[in-house]
Amino acid sequence: MPVASQSPTKAVTIERFIVEQERLLPHATGDLSDILYDIALAAKMISSKVRRAGLSDILGAAGNENVQGEMQQKLDVIANEIMVQALEAGGRLCAMASEEEAEIIPIPPSFRTGKYVVVFDPLDGSSNIDVNVPVGTIFSVLAKRQSAPHGELGDFLQPGHQQVAAGYVIYGSSTMLVYTTGQGAHGFTLDPSIGEFLLSHPHIRTPSAGKFLSVNDSYEALWSEPVKSLMRRYRGLEGGHKAKNVRYVGSLVADFHRNLLAGGVFCYPPNAKSPKGKLRLLYEGNPMAFIVEQAGGAAIDGERRLLSIEPTELHQRAPLYIGSRDDVALAAEVLGMTGALA
């Protein structure tokens, strides 16, 4: 599929870029573009809250647990409300789902419904908020496939390869939004002086092999022997592989973003306490897998390509090995995966 050429030296806003990409698709209605605009607006609002967090008494726990059994942070709740309010009134969605809420989020009766659903993690890595580590927002857009006018569970339980768009926002030293609609992965950096996301990373390509390994070593004693062997290879202790540098923030968006640009692999293997892994398939795994494949990388759960998994639950978890293609291929080999990466 053709992709509009953009010069990184020109000030190209995300709105202009999305419009130019839409023009390449003769049957486009503009609905998906409008959803992406709404998400970009929500990202600006969340970015403002994150930057003021230390001055506005919105750090720390909110005193409630989310559906995952995790203590909600104050900014979690705020970011979730911002995403819902930015998306519900546009008339382009039939429902939403949030990593913070147990059930599908319906579109209020006063608003029109549309032909898409959006799932999102409003503030990934929020446990790091109090120590000023980068956090992010992750989102995925799927086309409605059930006949009912309002969204149903079946509209959300689609394999990742059915996504029509996915992306993330990282709130770090700068705020950056990366998204794909299946026409490559593109990054935009927020210029706070004008309040616009500007194209800064067109056509992102991740290195085929990277120098970084992102993994939580505290679970090593609970890993299977194949996983332990894989980690030894990444560290250059087995198989004659060059040792990788271990970089683990504990915020998926932050670790993934670094590895996407610089090359590397993020791993969250299953362990004896969490045999299904920890990360959520719909809210975290699938969106990141769509992006990394569009950038030339790969993502698996240790047994199959991540985007091929047929979800059965809204908050389903899955192990994750994601990043540079050669590094993920090594994981597939050591873990005995038989299917193709993509």
Protein backbone atom coordinates (compact mmCIF):
# COMPACT_ATOMS: atom_id res chain seq x y z
CA MET A 1 0.00 0.00 0.00
CA PRO A 2 1.47 3.40 -0.91
CA VAL A 3 2.55 5.78 1.83
CA ALA A 4 2.73 9.54 1.39
CA SER A 5 6.32 10.80 1.41
CA GLN A 6 7.15 13.29 4.13
CA SER A 7 10.30 15.28 4.73
CA PRO A 8 11.42 15.26 8.36
CA THR A 9 12.69 18.84 7.87
CA LYS A 10 9.17 20.20 7.34
CA ALA A 11 6.79 21.04 10.19
CA VAL A 12 4.15 18.38 9.51
CA THR A 13 1.43 18.18 12.14
CA ILE A 14 -0.17 14.86 13.01
CA GLU A 15 -3.49 16.16 11.64
CA ARG A 16 -1.92 16.96 8.28
CA PHE A 17 -0.10 13.64 8.17
CA ILE A 18 -3.26 11.65 8.92
CA VAL A 19 -5.21 13.53 6.24
CA GLU A 20 -2.51 12.88 3.64
CA GLN A 21 -2.45 9.18 4.52
CA GLU A 22 -6.25 9.04 4.27
CA ARG A 23 -6.11 10.46 0.74
CA LEU A 24 -4.20 7.35 -0.35
CA LEU A 25 -7.22 5.19 0.51
CA PRO A 26 -10.09 5.83 -1.93
CA HIS A 27 -12.75 4.23 0.29
CA ALA A 28 -11.76 5.96 3.53
CA THR A 29 -14.66 7.66 5.35
CA GLY A 30 -12.59 9.77 7.72
CA ASP A 31 -13.91 8.03 10.85
CA LEU A 32 -10.59 6.40 11.70
CA SER A 33 -8.80 9.70 11.17
CA ASP A 34 -11.18 11.40 13.58
CA ILE A 35 -10.56 8.71 16.21
CA LEU A 36 -6.83 9.31 15.93
CA TYR A 37 -7.40 13.07 16.28
CA ASP A 38 -9.41 12.47 19.45
CA ILE A 39 -6.68 10.25 20.89
CA ALA A 40 -4.04 12.88 20.07
CA LEU A 41 -6.13 15.48 21.91
CA ALA A 42 -6.48 13.18 24.92
CA ALA A 43 -2.71 12.63 24.88
CA LYS A 44 -2.10 16.38 25.07
CA MET A 45 -4.42 16.63 28.06
CA ILE A 46 -2.83 13.68 29.86
CA SER A 47 0.64 15.05 29.10
CA SER A 48 -0.34 18.31 30.78
CA LYS A 49 -1.54 16.44 33.87
CA VAL A 50 1.63 14.31 34.03
CA ARG A 51 3.87 17.37 33.79
CA ARG A 52 2.00 19.11 36.61
CA ALA A 53 1.65 16.00 38.77
CA GLY A 54 4.22 16.97 41.37
CA LEU A 55 2.65 20.41 41.79
CA SER A 56 -1.03 19.47 41.79
CA ASP A 57 -1.36 16.84 44.52
CA ILE A 58 -2.25 14.14 41.99
CA LEU A 59 0.62 11.80 42.73
CA GLY A 60 0.13 8.69 44.80
CA ALA A 61 -2.58 6.08 45.19
CA ALA A 62 -6.26 6.81 44.69
CA GLY A 63 -7.22 4.20 47.29
CA ASN A 64 -8.98 1.81 44.89
CA GLU A 65 -8.00 -1.39 43.13
CA ASN A 66 -8.57 -1.79 39.39
CA VAL A 67 -9.87 -4.94 37.70
CA GLN A 68 -6.33 -6.36 37.68
CA GLY A 69 -6.18 -6.22 41.48
CA GLU A 70 -3.61 -3.41 41.29
CA MET A 71 -3.79 -0.23 43.36
CA GLN A 72 -4.98 2.60 41.16
CA GLN A 73 -2.92 5.77 41.12
CA LYS A 74 -4.62 9.17 41.06
CA LEU A 75 -3.32 9.85 37.57
CA ASP A 76 -4.64 6.44 36.41
CA VAL A 77 -8.16 7.58 37.23
CA ILE A 78 -7.68 11.01 35.67
CA ALA A 79 -6.14 9.60 32.47
CA ASN A 80 -8.94 7.05 32.15
CA GLU A 81 -11.58 9.77 32.43
CA ILE A 82 -9.79 11.90 29.85
CA MET A 83 -9.67 9.04 27.33
CA VAL A 84 -13.34 8.18 27.79
CA GLN A 85 -14.51 11.78 27.51
CA ALA A 86 -12.35 12.45 24.45
CA LEU A 87 -13.74 9.45 22.58
CA GLU A 88 -17.34 8.88 23.63
CA ALA A 89 -19.02 11.85 21.93
CA GLY A 90 -17.54 11.58 18.43
CA GLY A 91 -20.12 9.20 16.98
CA ARG A 92 -17.42 6.91 15.60
CA LEU A 93 -17.32 4.27 18.35
CA CYS A 94 -19.86 1.70 19.46
CA ALA A 95 -18.00 0.97 22.72
CA MET A 96 -14.66 1.19 24.51
CA ALA A 97 -12.68 -0.95 26.93
CA SER A 98 -10.10 0.19 29.44
CA GLU A 99 -7.46 -1.73 31.30
CA GLU A 100 -8.75 0.09 34.39
CA GLU A 101 -12.37 -1.07 34.11
CA ALA A 102 -13.82 -4.57 34.45
CA GLU A 103 -16.53 -4.31 31.80
CA ILE A 104 -17.04 -2.78 28.38
CA ILE A 105 -17.57 0.98 28.50
CA PRO A 106 -20.79 1.76 26.59
CA ILE A 107 -21.40 4.88 24.56
CA PRO A 108 -24.01 7.01 26.40
CA PRO A 109 -27.49 6.97 24.78
CA SER A 110 -27.26 10.70 24.07
CA PHE A 111 -24.40 10.11 21.58
CA ARG A 112 -24.40 8.45 18.17
CA THR A 113 -22.61 5.14 17.77
CA GLY A 114 -20.16 4.16 15.04
CA LYS A 115 -18.38 1.21 13.53
CA TYR A 116 -15.23 1.01 15.66
CA VAL A 117 -14.19 0.00 19.17
CA VAL A 118 -11.16 1.31 21.03
CA VAL A 119 -9.26 -0.44 23.82
CA PHE A 120 -6.68 1.42 25.87
CA ASP A 121 -4.36 1.39 28.83
CA PRO A 122 -4.73 5.02 29.92
CA LEU A 123 -1.52 5.22 31.95
CA ASP A 124 0.89 2.33 31.51
CA GLY A 125 3.65 2.15 34.13
CA SER A 126 1.72 4.24 36.61
CA SER A 127 3.41 2.58 39.59
CA ASN A 128 6.45 4.64 38.56
CA ILE A 129 4.68 8.00 38.70
CA ASP A 130 5.87 8.92 42.18
CA VAL A 131 9.53 8.48 41.19
CA ASN A 132 9.29 10.44 37.92
CA VAL A 133 9.91 7.52 35.56
CA PRO A 134 8.34 7.86 32.06
CA VAL A 135 4.80 6.53 31.74
CA GLY A 136 2.55 6.20 28.72
CA THR A 137 -0.80 5.57 27.07
CA ILE A 138 -1.42 2.57 24.78
CA PHE A 139 -4.38 2.20 22.40
CA SER A 140 -5.83 -0.12 19.78
CA VAL A 141 -8.65 0.40 17.27
CA LEU A 142 -10.74 -2.46 15.89
CA ALA A 143 -13.60 -2.50 13.40
CA LYS A 144 -16.95 -3.55 14.84
CA ARG A 145 -17.98 -7.03 13.67
CA GLN A 146 -21.18 -7.82 15.61
CA SER A 147 -24.61 -6.85 14.25
CA ALA A 148 -25.94 -5.07 17.35
CA PRO A 149 -25.78 -1.26 17.20
CA HIS A 150 -23.86 -1.07 20.46
CA GLY A 151 -20.55 -2.76 21.13
CA GLU A 152 -20.52 -6.34 22.39
CA LEU A 153 -17.78 -8.58 23.76
CA GLY A 154 -17.26 -10.20 20.35
CA ASP A 155 -16.29 -6.83 18.88
CA PHE A 156 -13.29 -6.76 21.21
CA LEU A 157 -12.23 -10.41 21.12
CA GLN A 158 -10.44 -10.24 17.80
CA PRO A 159 -6.89 -11.41 17.03
CA GLY A 160 -4.34 -8.64 16.86
CA HIS A 161 -3.87 -8.90 13.11
CA GLN A 162 -7.40 -7.48 12.79
CA GLN A 163 -6.40 -4.15 14.33
CA VAL A 164 -6.96 -1.18 12.05
CA ALA A 165 -4.78 1.14 14.11
CA ALA A 166 -2.66 1.05 17.25
CA GLY A 167 -0.27 3.31 19.03
CA TYR A 168 1.24 4.60 22.22
CA VAL A 169 2.19 7.89 23.81
CA ILE A 170 5.25 8.24 26.02
CA TYR A 171 5.36 11.04 28.56
CA GLY A 172 9.09 11.46 29.10
CA SER A 173 11.59 14.27 28.60
CA SER A 174 9.32 15.05 25.66
CA THR A 175 5.87 13.71 24.84
CA MET A 176 5.88 11.48 21.78
CA LEU A 177 3.04 9.65 20.00
CA VAL A 178 3.79 6.64 17.77
CA TYR A 179 1.04 5.01 15.74
CA THR A 180 0.36 2.74 12.79
CA THR A 181 -2.60 2.02 10.53
CA GLY A 182 -0.75 -0.75 8.74
CA GLN A 183 1.19 1.70 6.55
CA GLY A 184 4.35 1.82 8.61
CA ALA A 185 5.03 3.17 12.09
CA HIS A 186 5.37 6.93 12.50
CA GLY A 187 6.34 9.07 15.47
CA PHE A 188 5.28 12.58 16.42
CA THR A 189 6.75 14.78 19.14
CA LEU A 190 4.62 17.31 21.00
CA ASP A 191 5.86 20.88 20.64
CA PRO A 192 4.52 22.49 23.84
CA SER A 193 5.07 26.00 22.50
CA ILE A 194 2.34 25.52 19.87
CA GLY A 195 0.46 22.55 21.36
CA GLU A 196 0.90 20.38 18.26
CA PHE A 197 2.29 16.92 17.58
CA LEU A 198 4.88 17.30 14.80
CA LEU A 199 6.23 14.50 12.63
CA SER A 200 9.68 13.68 14.04
CA HIS A 201 10.18 9.97 13.25
CA PRO A 202 8.66 9.03 9.86
CA HIS A 203 8.75 5.38 8.79
CA ILE A 204 10.40 4.01 11.93
CA ARG A 205 12.55 0.94 11.31
CA THR A 206 13.86 -0.97 14.29
CA PRO A 207 17.31 -2.59 13.93
CA SER A 208 17.20 -6.27 12.97
CA ALA A 209 19.25 -7.07 16.07
CA GLY A 210 19.60 -4.86 19.10
CA LYS A 211 21.95 -4.25 21.99
CA PHE A 212 19.37 -4.00 24.78
CA LEU A 213 17.62 -6.65 26.87
CA SER A 214 14.66 -5.54 28.98
CA VAL A 215 13.57 -8.16 31.52
CA ASN A 216 12.70 -8.34 35.23
CA ASP A 217 15.44 -10.56 36.65
CA SER A 218 13.74 -10.86 40.03
CA TYR A 219 11.62 -13.69 38.59
CA GLU A 220 14.59 -15.77 37.39
CA ALA A 221 14.11 -18.47 40.02
CA LEU A 222 10.52 -18.93 38.80
CA TRP A 223 11.34 -19.25 35.10
CA SER A 224 11.37 -22.52 33.16
CA GLU A 225 14.73 -23.93 32.06
CA PRO A 226 14.22 -22.90 28.39
CA VAL A 227 13.57 -19.31 29.49
CA LYS A 228 16.67 -19.34 31.71
CA SER A 229 18.70 -20.67 28.78
CA LEU A 230 17.35 -17.91 26.53
CA MET A 231 18.38 -15.23 29.02
CA ARG A 232 21.87 -16.71 29.29
CA ARG A 233 22.17 -16.49 25.51
CA TYR A 234 21.04 -12.88 25.50
CA ARG A 235 23.74 -12.22 28.09
CA GLY A 236 26.43 -13.93 26.02
CA LEU A 237 26.83 -16.81 28.49
CA GLU A 238 25.66 -19.53 26.07
CA GLY A 239 25.63 -20.15 22.34
CA GLY A 240 28.33 -17.66 21.41
CA HIS A 241 25.99 -14.68 21.22
CA LYS A 242 27.16 -11.16 21.90
CA ALA A 243 26.07 -10.00 25.34
CA LYS A 244 23.27 -7.45 25.47
CA ASN A 245 23.07 -4.52 27.87
CA VAL A 246 20.29 -4.99 30.41
CA ARG A 247 17.96 -1.98 30.58
CA TYR A 248 14.68 -2.43 32.46
CA VAL A 249 12.51 0.48 33.60
CA GLY A 250 9.39 -1.47 34.53
CA SER A 251 7.20 0.68 32.28
CA LEU A 252 6.36 -1.20 29.08
CA VAL A 253 6.01 1.99 27.03
CA ALA A 254 9.42 3.28 28.15
CA ASP A 255 11.24 -0.01 27.62
CA PHE A 256 9.51 -0.71 24.31
CA HIS A 257 10.13 2.81 22.98
CA ARG A 258 13.86 2.65 23.68
CA ASN A 259 14.18 -0.76 22.08
CA LEU A 260 12.05 0.21 19.07
CA LEU A 261 14.36 3.08 18.21
CA ALA A 262 17.72 1.68 19.34
CA GLY A 263 17.14 -2.06 18.90
CA GLY A 264 16.61 -4.73 21.50
CA VAL A 265 14.13 -7.14 23.02
CA PHE A 266 11.60 -6.82 25.83
CA CYS A 267 10.67 -10.04 27.60
CA TYR A 268 7.98 -10.83 30.14
CA PRO A 269 8.07 -14.65 30.27
CA PRO A 270 5.59 -16.79 32.16
CA ASN A 271 6.72 -17.89 35.59
CA ALA A 272 5.58 -20.26 38.32
CA LYS A 273 3.42 -17.58 39.94
CA SER A 274 2.09 -16.12 36.68
CA PRO A 275 1.94 -18.99 34.16
CA LYS A 276 -0.05 -16.85 31.70
CA GLY A 277 2.27 -13.89 31.98
CA LYS A 278 1.37 -10.49 33.36
CA LEU A 279 0.76 -8.14 30.44
CA ARG A 280 -2.71 -7.78 28.96
CA LEU A 281 -3.07 -9.04 25.40
CA LEU A 282 -5.66 -6.54 24.16
CA TYR A 283 -4.42 -3.44 25.97
CA GLU A 284 -0.66 -3.88 25.79
CA GLY A 285 0.57 -6.86 23.79
CA ASN A 286 -1.42 -6.52 20.57
CA PRO A 287 -0.98 -2.76 20.05
CA MET A 288 2.78 -2.98 20.60
CA ALA A 289 3.03 -6.07 18.39
CA PHE A 290 1.24 -4.30 15.53
CA ILE A 291 3.63 -1.36 15.80
CA VAL A 292 6.80 -3.44 16.04
CA GLU A 293 5.88 -5.59 13.04
CA GLN A 294 5.23 -2.45 11.00
CA ALA A 295 8.71 -1.30 12.02
CA GLY A 296 10.33 -4.56 10.90
CA GLY A 297 10.39 -6.31 14.28
CA ALA A 298 8.48 -9.24 15.73
CA ALA A 299 6.42 -10.31 18.75
CA ILE A 300 5.58 -13.77 20.12
CA ASP A 301 4.20 -15.30 23.31
CA GLY A 302 6.78 -18.08 23.23
CA GLU A 303 4.55 -20.45 21.26
CA ARG A 304 3.15 -18.39 18.37
CA ARG A 305 3.05 -15.00 16.73
CA LEU A 306 1.30 -12.71 19.19
CA LEU A 307 -1.02 -11.18 16.58
CA SER A 308 -2.41 -14.64 15.73
CA ILE A 309 -3.84 -15.32 19.20
CA GLU A 310 -7.65 -15.57 19.35
CA PRO A 311 -8.62 -13.78 22.58
CA THR A 312 -11.22 -15.35 24.86
CA GLU A 313 -11.34 -12.75 27.64
CA LEU A 314 -11.42 -8.96 27.77
CA HIS A 315 -8.54 -8.83 30.26
CA GLN A 316 -6.63 -11.85 29.00
CA ARG A 317 -2.93 -12.00 29.84
CA ALA A 318 -0.13 -13.32 27.66
CA PRO A 319 3.65 -13.78 27.88
CA LEU A 320 5.56 -11.40 25.66
CA TYR A 321 8.84 -11.39 23.73
CA ILE A 322 8.94 -8.32 21.50
CA GLY A 323 11.49 -6.23 19.65
CA SER A 324 14.18 -6.64 17.00
CA ARG A 325 13.39 -9.48 14.64
CA ASP A 326 16.62 -11.48 15.06
CA ASP A 327 16.38 -11.25 18.84
CA VAL A 328 12.79 -12.48 18.85
CA ALA A 329 13.76 -15.22 16.37
CA LEU A 330 16.32 -16.44 18.91
CA ALA A 331 13.56 -16.62 21.53
CA ALA A 332 11.36 -18.59 19.13
CA GLU A 333 14.21 -21.04 18.48
CA VAL A 334 15.21 -21.59 22.12
CA LEU A 335 11.62 -21.87 23.33
CA GLY A 336 10.75 -24.42 20.62
CA MET A 337 8.24 -22.35 18.71
CA THR A 338 7.26 -24.02 15.44
CA GLY A 339 5.21 -21.36 13.64
CA ALA A 340 6.47 -18.43 11.61
CA LEU A 341 7.13 -15.07 13.25
CA ALA A 342 4.85 -13.23 10.84
